[in-house]
Amino acid sequence: MRERDIEKYLYEQVKAAGGWAPKWESPGNSGVPDRIVILPGNKILFVELKAPGKKPKPLQLAQHRRLSALNCDVRVIDGREQVDELLQAWREGRL
């Protein structure tokens, strides 16, 4: 499975749940997470997508730390199962 397959799955599943997952492009801020996930109930998080087994690059990790320091929820997802787990946690109120 490729990163773009997981990204498409995330987008479709979030949309099916009534949310929105726009691509995040921030000129001058390389390394920001791929998607901003907005779910009903004011649940907002940032998602970095990777191919299975791949890890974020140092610049991406620096951006993740920057967001986390602002109390933002940042996730790295490298499989469909993690998308399903994320949405299940939201449905159960654990997000």
PDB file of N, CA and C in Angstrom:
ATOM      1  N   MET A   1       0.840  -1.183   0.000  1.00  0.00           N
ATOM      2  CA  MET A   1       0.000   0.000   0.000  1.00  0.00           C
ATOM      3  C   MET A   1       0.886   1.248   0.000  1.00  0.00           C
ATOM      4  N   ARG A   2       0.446   2.238  -0.738  1.00  0.00           N
ATOM      5  CA  ARG A   2       1.207   3.478  -0.864  1.00  0.00           C
ATOM      6  C   ARG A   2       0.617   4.560   0.038  1.00  0.00           C
ATOM      7  N   GLU A   3       1.426   5.577   0.290  1.00  0.00           N
ATOM      8  CA  GLU A   3       0.974   6.698   1.128  1.00  0.00           C
ATOM      9  C   GLU A   3      -0.295   7.326   0.567  1.00  0.00           C
ATOM     10  N   ARG A   4      -0.342   7.521  -0.723  1.00  0.00           N
ATOM     11  CA  ARG A   4      -1.518   8.174  -1.310  1.00  0.00           C
ATOM     12  C   ARG A   4      -2.787   7.339  -1.167  1.00  0.00           C
ATOM     13  N   ASP A   5      -2.642   6.010  -1.104  1.00  0.00           N
ATOM     14  CA  ASP A   5      -3.808   5.146  -0.877  1.00  0.00           C
ATOM     15  C   ASP A   5      -4.360   5.355   0.533  1.00  0.00           C
ATOM     16  N   ILE A   6      -3.456   5.478   1.497  1.00  0.00           N
ATOM     17  CA  ILE A   6      -3.860   5.710   2.885  1.00  0.00           C
ATOM     18  C   ILE A   6      -4.471   7.104   3.013  1.00  0.00           C
ATOM     19  N   GLU A   7      -3.874   8.071   2.331  1.00  0.00           N
ATOM     20  CA  GLU A   7      -4.396   9.443   2.373  1.00  0.00           C
ATOM     21  C   GLU A   7      -5.807   9.497   1.797  1.00  0.00           C
ATOM     22  N   LYS A   8      -6.040   8.830   0.689  1.00  0.00           N
ATOM     23  CA  LYS A   8      -7.372   8.790   0.082  1.00  0.00           C
ATOM     24  C   LYS A   8      -8.373   8.118   1.026  1.00  0.00           C
ATOM     25  N   TYR A   9      -7.940   7.034   1.657  1.00  0.00           N
ATOM     26  CA  TYR A   9      -8.810   6.328   2.597  1.00  0.00           C
ATOM     27  C   TYR A   9      -9.179   7.230   3.778  1.00  0.00           C
ATOM     28  N   LEU A  10      -8.185   7.932   4.326  1.00  0.00           N
ATOM     29  CA  LEU A  10      -8.448   8.872   5.420  1.00  0.00           C
ATOM     30  C   LEU A  10      -9.478   9.905   4.980  1.00  0.00           C
ATOM     31  N   TYR A  11      -9.255  10.518   3.832  1.00  0.00           N
ATOM     32  CA  TYR A  11     -10.160  11.552   3.335  1.00  0.00           C
ATOM     33  C   TYR A  11     -11.586  11.008   3.217  1.00  0.00           C
ATOM     34  N   GLU A  12     -11.728   9.847   2.614  1.00  0.00           N
ATOM     35  CA  GLU A  12     -13.056   9.252   2.407  1.00  0.00           C
ATOM     36  C   GLU A  12     -13.744   8.887   3.721  1.00  0.00           C
ATOM     37  N   GLN A  13     -12.995   8.328   4.655  1.00  0.00           N
ATOM     38  CA  GLN A  13     -13.576   7.907   5.926  1.00  0.00           C
ATOM     39  C   GLN A  13     -13.981   9.099   6.785  1.00  0.00           C
ATOM     40  N   VAL A  14     -13.168  10.140   6.775  1.00  0.00           N
ATOM     41  CA  VAL A  14     -13.507  11.351   7.534  1.00  0.00           C
ATOM     42  C   VAL A  14     -14.755  11.992   6.935  1.00  0.00           C
ATOM     43  N   LYS A  15     -14.824  12.056   5.624  1.00  0.00           N
ATOM     44  CA  LYS A  15     -15.998  12.615   4.952  1.00  0.00           C
ATOM     45  C   LYS A  15     -17.240  11.796   5.292  1.00  0.00           C
ATOM     46  N   ALA A  16     -17.137  10.476   5.260  1.00  0.00           N
ATOM     47  CA  ALA A  16     -18.269   9.592   5.586  1.00  0.00           C
ATOM     48  C   ALA A  16     -18.730   9.793   7.028  1.00  0.00           C
ATOM     49  N   ALA A  17     -17.813  10.214   7.908  1.00  0.00           N
ATOM     50  CA  ALA A  17     -18.149  10.450   9.314  1.00  0.00           C
ATOM     51  C   ALA A  17     -18.713  11.854   9.536  1.00  0.00           C
ATOM     52  N   GLY A  18     -18.859  12.626   8.465  1.00  0.00           N
ATOM     53  CA  GLY A  18     -19.403  13.973   8.586  1.00  0.00           C
ATOM     54  C   GLY A  18     -18.354  15.042   8.799  1.00  0.00           C
ATOM     55  N   GLY A  19     -17.089  14.676   8.613  1.00  0.00           N
ATOM     56  CA  GLY A  19     -15.997  15.620   8.827  1.00  0.00           C
ATOM     57  C   GLY A  19     -15.386  16.102   7.527  1.00  0.00           C
ATOM     58  N   TRP A  20     -14.244  16.742   7.667  1.00  0.00           N
ATOM     59  CA  TRP A  20     -13.535  17.330   6.545  1.00  0.00           C
ATOM     60  C   TRP A  20     -12.047  17.119   6.788  1.00  0.00           C
ATOM     61  N   ALA A  21     -11.308  16.773   5.742  1.00  0.00           N
ATOM     62  CA  ALA A  21      -9.868  16.544   5.880  1.00  0.00           C
ATOM     63  C   ALA A  21      -9.118  17.217   4.733  1.00  0.00           C
ATOM     64  N   PRO A  22      -9.069  18.555   4.731  1.00  0.00           N
ATOM     65  CA  PRO A  22      -8.376  19.234   3.637  1.00  0.00           C
ATOM     66  C   PRO A  22      -6.865  19.035   3.701  1.00  0.00           C
ATOM     67  N   LYS A  23      -6.267  19.062   2.529  1.00  0.00           N
ATOM     68  CA  LYS A  23      -4.811  18.999   2.425  1.00  0.00           C
ATOM     69  C   LYS A  23      -4.253  20.302   2.989  1.00  0.00           C
ATOM     70  N   TRP A  24      -3.166  20.185   3.747  1.00  0.00           N
ATOM     71  CA  TRP A  24      -2.555  21.387   4.312  1.00  0.00           C
ATOM     72  C   TRP A  24      -1.285  21.700   3.545  1.00  0.00           C
ATOM     73  N   GLU A  25      -1.298  22.842   2.894  1.00  0.00           N
ATOM     74  CA  GLU A  25      -0.115  23.355   2.218  1.00  0.00           C
ATOM     75  C   GLU A  25       0.165  24.717   2.821  1.00  0.00           C
ATOM     76  N   SER A  26       1.352  24.910   3.321  1.00  0.00           N
ATOM     77  CA  SER A  26       1.696  26.144   4.007  1.00  0.00           C
ATOM     78  C   SER A  26       3.009  26.690   3.441  1.00  0.00           C
ATOM     79  N   PRO A  27       2.922  27.546   2.422  1.00  0.00           N
ATOM     80  CA  PRO A  27       4.147  28.094   1.824  1.00  0.00           C
ATOM     81  C   PRO A  27       5.071  28.696   2.875  1.00  0.00           C
ATOM     82  N   GLY A  28       6.328  28.351   2.773  1.00  0.00           N
ATOM     83  CA  GLY A  28       7.310  28.862   3.720  1.00  0.00           C
ATOM     84  C   GLY A  28       7.392  28.058   5.008  1.00  0.00           C
ATOM     85  N   ASN A  29       6.583  27.013   5.123  1.00  0.00           N
ATOM     86  CA  ASN A  29       6.576  26.160   6.319  1.00  0.00           C
ATOM     87  C   ASN A  29       6.673  24.697   5.909  1.00  0.00           C
ATOM     88  N   SER A  30       7.775  24.335   5.331  1.00  0.00           N
ATOM     89  CA  SER A  30       7.966  22.951   4.903  1.00  0.00           C
ATOM     90  C   SER A  30       7.851  22.003   6.089  1.00  0.00           C
ATOM     91  N   GLY A  31       7.349  20.817   5.810  1.00  0.00           N
ATOM     92  CA  GLY A  31       7.289  19.789   6.841  1.00  0.00           C
ATOM     93  C   GLY A  31       6.007  19.751   7.637  1.00  0.00           C
ATOM     94  N   VAL A  32       5.028  20.632   7.316  1.00  0.00           N
ATOM     95  CA  VAL A  32       3.768  20.579   8.060  1.00  0.00           C
ATOM     96  C   VAL A  32       3.040  19.276   7.723  1.00  0.00           C
ATOM     97  N   PRO A  33       2.190  18.790   8.633  1.00  0.00           N
ATOM     98  CA  PRO A  33       1.451  17.557   8.356  1.00  0.00           C
ATOM     99  C   PRO A  33       0.618  17.656   7.075  1.00  0.00           C
ATOM    100  N   ASP A  34       0.309  16.499   6.501  1.00  0.00           N
ATOM    101  CA  ASP A  34      -0.379  16.431   5.215  1.00  0.00           C
ATOM    102  C   ASP A  34      -1.821  16.929   5.253  1.00  0.00           C
ATOM    103  N   ARG A  35      -2.537  16.594   6.328  1.00  0.00           N
ATOM    104  CA  ARG A  35      -3.970  16.897   6.393  1.00  0.00           C
ATOM    105  C   ARG A  35      -4.350  17.498   7.732  1.00  0.00           C
ATOM    106  N   ILE A  36      -5.336  18.383   7.680  1.00  0.00           N
ATOM    107  CA  ILE A  36      -6.001  18.866   8.885  1.00  0.00           C
ATOM    108  C   ILE A  36      -7.324  18.114   8.932  1.00  0.00           C
ATOM    109  N   VAL A  37      -7.565  17.371   9.985  1.00  0.00           N
ATOM    110  CA  VAL A  37      -8.792  16.596  10.116  1.00  0.00           C
ATOM    111  C   VAL A  37      -9.721  17.326  11.083  1.00  0.00           C
ATOM    112  N   ILE A  38     -10.906  17.637  10.590  1.00  0.00           N
ATOM    113  CA  ILE A  38     -11.910  18.344  11.381  1.00  0.00           C
ATOM    114  C   ILE A  38     -13.132  17.447  11.468  1.00  0.00           C
ATOM    115  N   LEU A  39     -13.458  17.045  12.691  1.00  0.00           N
ATOM    116  CA  LEU A  39     -14.583  16.137  12.930  1.00  0.00           C
ATOM    117  C   LEU A  39     -15.675  16.853  13.709  1.00  0.00           C
ATOM    118  N   PRO A  40     -16.920  16.407  13.540  1.00  0.00           N
ATOM    119  CA  PRO A  40     -18.004  17.002  14.314  1.00  0.00           C
ATOM    120  C   PRO A  40     -17.677  16.988  15.813  1.00  0.00           C
ATOM    121  N   GLY A  41     -18.162  17.998  16.505  1.00  0.00           N
ATOM    122  CA  GLY A  41     -17.880  18.105  17.932  1.00  0.00           C
ATOM    123  C   GLY A  41     -16.627  18.905  18.220  1.00  0.00           C
ATOM    124  N   ASN A  42     -16.169  19.690  17.224  1.00  0.00           N
ATOM    125  CA  ASN A  42     -14.990  20.538  17.394  1.00  0.00           C
ATOM    126  C   ASN A  42     -13.721  19.744  17.666  1.00  0.00           C
ATOM    127  N   LYS A  43     -13.576  18.608  17.000  1.00  0.00           N
ATOM    128  CA  LYS A  43     -12.367  17.799  17.119  1.00  0.00           C
ATOM    129  C   LYS A  43     -11.481  18.096  15.922  1.00  0.00           C
ATOM    130  N   ILE A  44     -10.333  18.678  16.191  1.00  0.00           N
ATOM    131  CA  ILE A  44      -9.407  19.069  15.132  1.00  0.00           C
ATOM    132  C   ILE A  44      -8.045  18.465  15.420  1.00  0.00           C
ATOM    133  N   LEU A  45      -7.470  17.818  14.411  1.00  0.00           N
ATOM    134  CA  LEU A  45      -6.141  17.257  14.572  1.00  0.00           C
ATOM    135  C   LEU A  45      -5.376  17.332  13.259  1.00  0.00           C
ATOM    136  N   PHE A  46      -4.093  17.169  13.362  1.00  0.00           N
ATOM    137  CA  PHE A  46      -3.201  17.223  12.218  1.00  0.00           C
ATOM    138  C   PHE A  46      -2.669  15.816  11.976  1.00  0.00           C
ATOM    139  N   VAL A  47      -2.683  15.403  10.696  1.00  0.00           N
ATOM    140  CA  VAL A  47      -2.282  14.036  10.369  1.00  0.00           C
ATOM    141  C   VAL A  47      -1.169  14.043   9.341  1.00  0.00           C
ATOM    142  N   GLU A  48      -0.078  13.384   9.693  1.00  0.00           N
ATOM    143  CA  GLU A  48       1.030  13.118   8.781  1.00  0.00           C
ATOM    144  C   GLU A  48       0.833  11.701   8.264  1.00  0.00           C
ATOM    145  N   LEU A  49       0.762  11.550   6.961  1.00  0.00           N
ATOM    146  CA  LEU A  49       0.562  10.238   6.369  1.00  0.00           C
ATOM    147  C   LEU A  49       1.870   9.704   5.823  1.00  0.00           C
ATOM    148  N   LYS A  50       2.069   8.407   6.016  1.00  0.00           N
ATOM    149  CA  LYS A  50       3.285   7.734   5.573  1.00  0.00           C
ATOM    150  C   LYS A  50       2.927   6.391   4.960  1.00  0.00           C
ATOM    151  N   ALA A  51       3.780   5.910   4.088  1.00  0.00           N
ATOM    152  CA  ALA A  51       3.646   4.542   3.602  1.00  0.00           C
ATOM    153  C   ALA A  51       3.921   3.611   4.786  1.00  0.00           C
ATOM    154  N   PRO A  52       3.361   2.413   4.758  1.00  0.00           N
ATOM    155  CA  PRO A  52       3.578   1.493   5.883  1.00  0.00           C
ATOM    156  C   PRO A  52       5.062   1.339   6.240  1.00  0.00           C
ATOM    157  N   GLY A  53       5.339   1.518   7.531  1.00  0.00           N
ATOM    158  CA  GLY A  53       6.699   1.348   8.043  1.00  0.00           C
ATOM    159  C   GLY A  53       7.609   2.550   7.878  1.00  0.00           C
ATOM    160  N   LYS A  54       7.179   3.557   7.145  1.00  0.00           N
ATOM    161  CA  LYS A  54       8.008   4.752   6.955  1.00  0.00           C
ATOM    162  C   LYS A  54       7.831   5.704   8.130  1.00  0.00           C
ATOM    163  N   LYS A  55       8.875   6.458   8.418  1.00  0.00           N
ATOM    164  CA  LYS A  55       8.873   7.386   9.551  1.00  0.00           C
ATOM    165  C   LYS A  55       8.973   8.828   9.051  1.00  0.00           C
ATOM    166  N   PRO A  56       8.480   9.794   9.838  1.00  0.00           N
ATOM    167  CA  PRO A  56       8.609  11.208   9.453  1.00  0.00           C
ATOM    168  C   PRO A  56      10.075  11.641   9.405  1.00  0.00           C
ATOM    169  N   LYS A  57      10.349  12.602   8.545  1.00  0.00           N
ATOM    170  CA  LYS A  57      11.685  13.179   8.417  1.00  0.00           C
ATOM    171  C   LYS A  57      11.915  14.160   9.563  1.00  0.00           C
ATOM    172  N   PRO A  58      13.173  14.496   9.849  1.00  0.00           N
ATOM    173  CA  PRO A  58      13.469  15.423  10.953  1.00  0.00           C
ATOM    174  C   PRO A  58      12.705  16.750  10.873  1.00  0.00           C
ATOM    175  N   LEU A  59      12.585  17.335   9.690  1.00  0.00           N
ATOM    176  CA  LEU A  59      11.854  18.596   9.554  1.00  0.00           C
ATOM    177  C   LEU A  59      10.374  18.403   9.895  1.00  0.00           C
ATOM    178  N   GLN A  60       9.808  17.273   9.495  1.00  0.00           N
ATOM    179  CA  GLN A  60       8.418  16.978   9.829  1.00  0.00           C
ATOM    180  C   GLN A  60       8.260  16.820  11.339  1.00  0.00           C
ATOM    181  N   LEU A  61       9.194  16.125  11.959  1.00  0.00           N
ATOM    182  CA  LEU A  61       9.140  15.946  13.417  1.00  0.00           C
ATOM    183  C   LEU A  61       9.239  17.285  14.139  1.00  0.00           C
ATOM    184  N   ALA A  62      10.050  18.187  13.605  1.00  0.00           N
ATOM    185  CA  ALA A  62      10.160  19.519  14.208  1.00  0.00           C
ATOM    186  C   ALA A  62       8.823  20.252  14.126  1.00  0.00           C
ATOM    187  N   GLN A  63       8.134  20.141  13.012  1.00  0.00           N
ATOM    188  CA  GLN A  63       6.817  20.775  12.879  1.00  0.00           C
ATOM    189  C   GLN A  63       5.796  20.109  13.800  1.00  0.00           C
ATOM    190  N   HIS A  64       5.899  18.799  13.961  1.00  0.00           N
ATOM    191  CA  HIS A  64       4.998  18.090  14.880  1.00  0.00           C
ATOM    192  C   HIS A  64       5.211  18.593  16.306  1.00  0.00           C
ATOM    193  N   ARG A  65       6.468  18.754  16.693  1.00  0.00           N
ATOM    194  CA  ARG A  65       6.767  19.261  18.037  1.00  0.00           C
ATOM    195  C   ARG A  65       6.239  20.678  18.216  1.00  0.00           C
ATOM    196  N   ARG A  66       6.372  21.480  17.191  1.00  0.00           N
ATOM    197  CA  ARG A  66       5.874  22.858  17.242  1.00  0.00           C
ATOM    198  C   ARG A  66       4.362  22.883  17.479  1.00  0.00           C
ATOM    199  N   LEU A  67       3.638  22.056  16.764  1.00  0.00           N
ATOM    200  CA  LEU A  67       2.183  21.979  16.933  1.00  0.00           C
ATOM    201  C   LEU A  67       1.816  21.393  18.290  1.00  0.00           C
ATOM    202  N   SER A  68       2.531  20.359  18.689  1.00  0.00           N
ATOM    203  CA  SER A  68       2.256  19.722  19.984  1.00  0.00           C
ATOM    204  C   SER A  68       2.487  20.694  21.134  1.00  0.00           C
ATOM    205  N   ALA A  69       3.491  21.561  21.006  1.00  0.00           N
ATOM    206  CA  ALA A  69       3.772  22.559  22.041  1.00  0.00           C
ATOM    207  C   ALA A  69       2.618  23.552  22.185  1.00  0.00           C
ATOM    208  N   LEU A  70       1.794  23.643  21.145  1.00  0.00           N
ATOM    209  CA  LEU A  70       0.617  24.516  21.179  1.00  0.00           C
ATOM    210  C   LEU A  70      -0.640  23.730  21.554  1.00  0.00           C
ATOM    211  N   ASN A  71      -0.414  22.535  22.116  1.00  0.00           N
ATOM    212  CA  ASN A  71      -1.498  21.629  22.539  1.00  0.00           C
ATOM    213  C   ASN A  71      -2.364  21.136  21.390  1.00  0.00           C
ATOM    214  N   CYS A  72      -1.782  21.035  20.203  1.00  0.00           N
ATOM    215  CA  CYS A  72      -2.489  20.469  19.057  1.00  0.00           C
ATOM    216  C   CYS A  72      -2.276  18.959  19.040  1.00  0.00           C
ATOM    217  N   ASP A  73      -3.272  18.258  18.559  1.00  0.00           N
ATOM    218  CA  ASP A  73      -3.221  16.804  18.416  1.00  0.00           C
ATOM    219  C   ASP A  73      -2.597  16.491  17.061  1.00  0.00           C
ATOM    220  N   VAL A  74      -1.434  15.843  17.064  1.00  0.00           N
ATOM    221  CA  VAL A  74      -0.715  15.497  15.840  1.00  0.00           C
ATOM    222  C   VAL A  74      -0.557  13.983  15.801  1.00  0.00           C
ATOM    223  N   ARG A  75      -0.945  13.383  14.688  1.00  0.00           N
ATOM    224  CA  ARG A  75      -0.851  11.925  14.532  1.00  0.00           C
ATOM    225  C   ARG A  75      -0.056  11.588  13.282  1.00  0.00           C
ATOM    226  N   VAL A  76       0.671  10.475  13.362  1.00  0.00           N
ATOM    227  CA  VAL A  76       1.342   9.907  12.200  1.00  0.00           C
ATOM    228  C   VAL A  76       0.605   8.611  11.899  1.00  0.00           C
ATOM    229  N   ILE A  77       0.110   8.490  10.690  1.00  0.00           N
ATOM    230  CA  ILE A  77      -0.679   7.328  10.287  1.00  0.00           C
ATOM    231  C   ILE A  77       0.000   6.679   9.092  1.00  0.00           C
ATOM    232  N   ASP A  78       0.226   5.365   9.202  1.00  0.00           N
ATOM    233  CA  ASP A  78       0.856   4.644   8.087  1.00  0.00           C
ATOM    234  C   ASP A  78       0.069   3.400   7.670  1.00  0.00           C
ATOM    235  N   GLY A  79      -1.230   3.393   7.984  1.00  0.00           N
ATOM    236  CA  GLY A  79      -2.053   2.262   7.561  1.00  0.00           C
ATOM    237  C   GLY A  79      -3.536   2.541   7.744  1.00  0.00           C
ATOM    238  N   ARG A  80      -4.341   1.823   7.000  1.00  0.00           N
ATOM    239  CA  ARG A  80      -5.794   1.987   7.093  1.00  0.00           C
ATOM    240  C   ARG A  80      -6.307   1.666   8.490  1.00  0.00           C
ATOM    241  N   GLU A  81      -5.673   0.704   9.145  1.00  0.00           N
ATOM    242  CA  GLU A  81      -6.111   0.317  10.489  1.00  0.00           C
ATOM    243  C   GLU A  81      -6.033   1.497  11.442  1.00  0.00           C
ATOM    244  N   GLN A  82      -5.012   2.314  11.300  1.00  0.00           N
ATOM    245  CA  GLN A  82      -4.859   3.476  12.169  1.00  0.00           C
ATOM    246  C   GLN A  82      -5.939   4.526  11.885  1.00  0.00           C
ATOM    247  N   VAL A  83      -6.358   4.645  10.644  1.00  0.00           N
ATOM    248  CA  VAL A  83      -7.469   5.535  10.306  1.00  0.00           C
ATOM    249  C   VAL A  83      -8.727   5.041  11.015  1.00  0.00           C
ATOM    250  N   ASP A  84      -8.970   3.735  10.907  1.00  0.00           N
ATOM    251  CA  ASP A  84     -10.148   3.149  11.552  1.00  0.00           C
ATOM    252  C   ASP A  84     -10.104   3.337  13.068  1.00  0.00           C
ATOM    253  N   GLU A  85      -8.938   3.143  13.673  1.00  0.00           N
ATOM    254  CA  GLU A  85      -8.786   3.314  15.119  1.00  0.00           C
ATOM    255  C   GLU A  85      -9.025   4.762  15.529  1.00  0.00           C
ATOM    256  N   LEU A  86      -8.529   5.699  14.733  1.00  0.00           N
ATOM    257  CA  LEU A  86      -8.726   7.117  15.022  1.00  0.00           C
ATOM    258  C   LEU A  86     -10.216   7.459  15.027  1.00  0.00           C
ATOM    259  N   LEU A  87     -10.924   7.019  14.008  1.00  0.00           N
ATOM    260  CA  LEU A  87     -12.350   7.332  13.922  1.00  0.00           C
ATOM    261  C   LEU A  87     -13.158   6.589  14.983  1.00  0.00           C
ATOM    262  N   GLN A  88     -12.732   5.403  15.333  1.00  0.00           N
ATOM    263  CA  GLN A  88     -13.414   4.676  16.418  1.00  0.00           C
ATOM    264  C   GLN A  88     -13.229   5.410  17.746  1.00  0.00           C
ATOM    265  N   ALA A  89     -12.036   5.909  17.997  1.00  0.00           N
ATOM    266  CA  ALA A  89     -11.782   6.680  19.224  1.00  0.00           C
ATOM    267  C   ALA A  89     -12.657   7.926  19.248  1.00  0.00           C
ATOM    268  N   TRP A  90     -12.812   8.587  18.108  1.00  0.00           N
ATOM    269  CA  TRP A  90     -13.688   9.769  18.042  1.00  0.00           C
ATOM    270  C   TRP A  90     -15.130   9.386  18.326  1.00  0.00           C
ATOM    271  N   ARG A  91     -15.601   8.305  17.720  1.00  0.00           N
ATOM    272  CA  ARG A  91     -16.993   7.861  17.936  1.00  0.00           C
ATOM    273  C   ARG A  91     -17.261   7.521  19.402  1.00  0.00           C
ATOM    274  N   GLU A  92     -16.245   7.009  20.069  1.00  0.00           N
ATOM    275  CA  GLU A  92     -16.383   6.605  21.476  1.00  0.00           C
ATOM    276  C   GLU A  92     -16.082   7.748  22.440  1.00  0.00           C
ATOM    277  N   GLY A  93     -15.782   8.927  21.901  1.00  0.00           N
ATOM    278  CA  GLY A  93     -15.507  10.074  22.762  1.00  0.00           C
ATOM    279  C   GLY A  93     -14.142  10.058  23.421  1.00  0.00           C
ATOM    280  N   ARG A  94     -13.207   9.281  22.871  1.00  0.00           N
ATOM    281  CA  ARG A  94     -11.860   9.197  23.427  1.00  0.00           C
ATOM    282  C   ARG A  94     -10.871  10.107  22.708  1.00  0.00           C
ATOM    283  N   LEU A  95     -11.379  10.923  21.807  1.00  0.00           N
ATOM    284  CA  LEU A  95     -10.508  11.800  21.028  1.00  0.00           C
ATOM    285  C   LEU A  95     -10.691  13.232  21.476  1.00  0.00           C
TER     286      LEU A  95
END
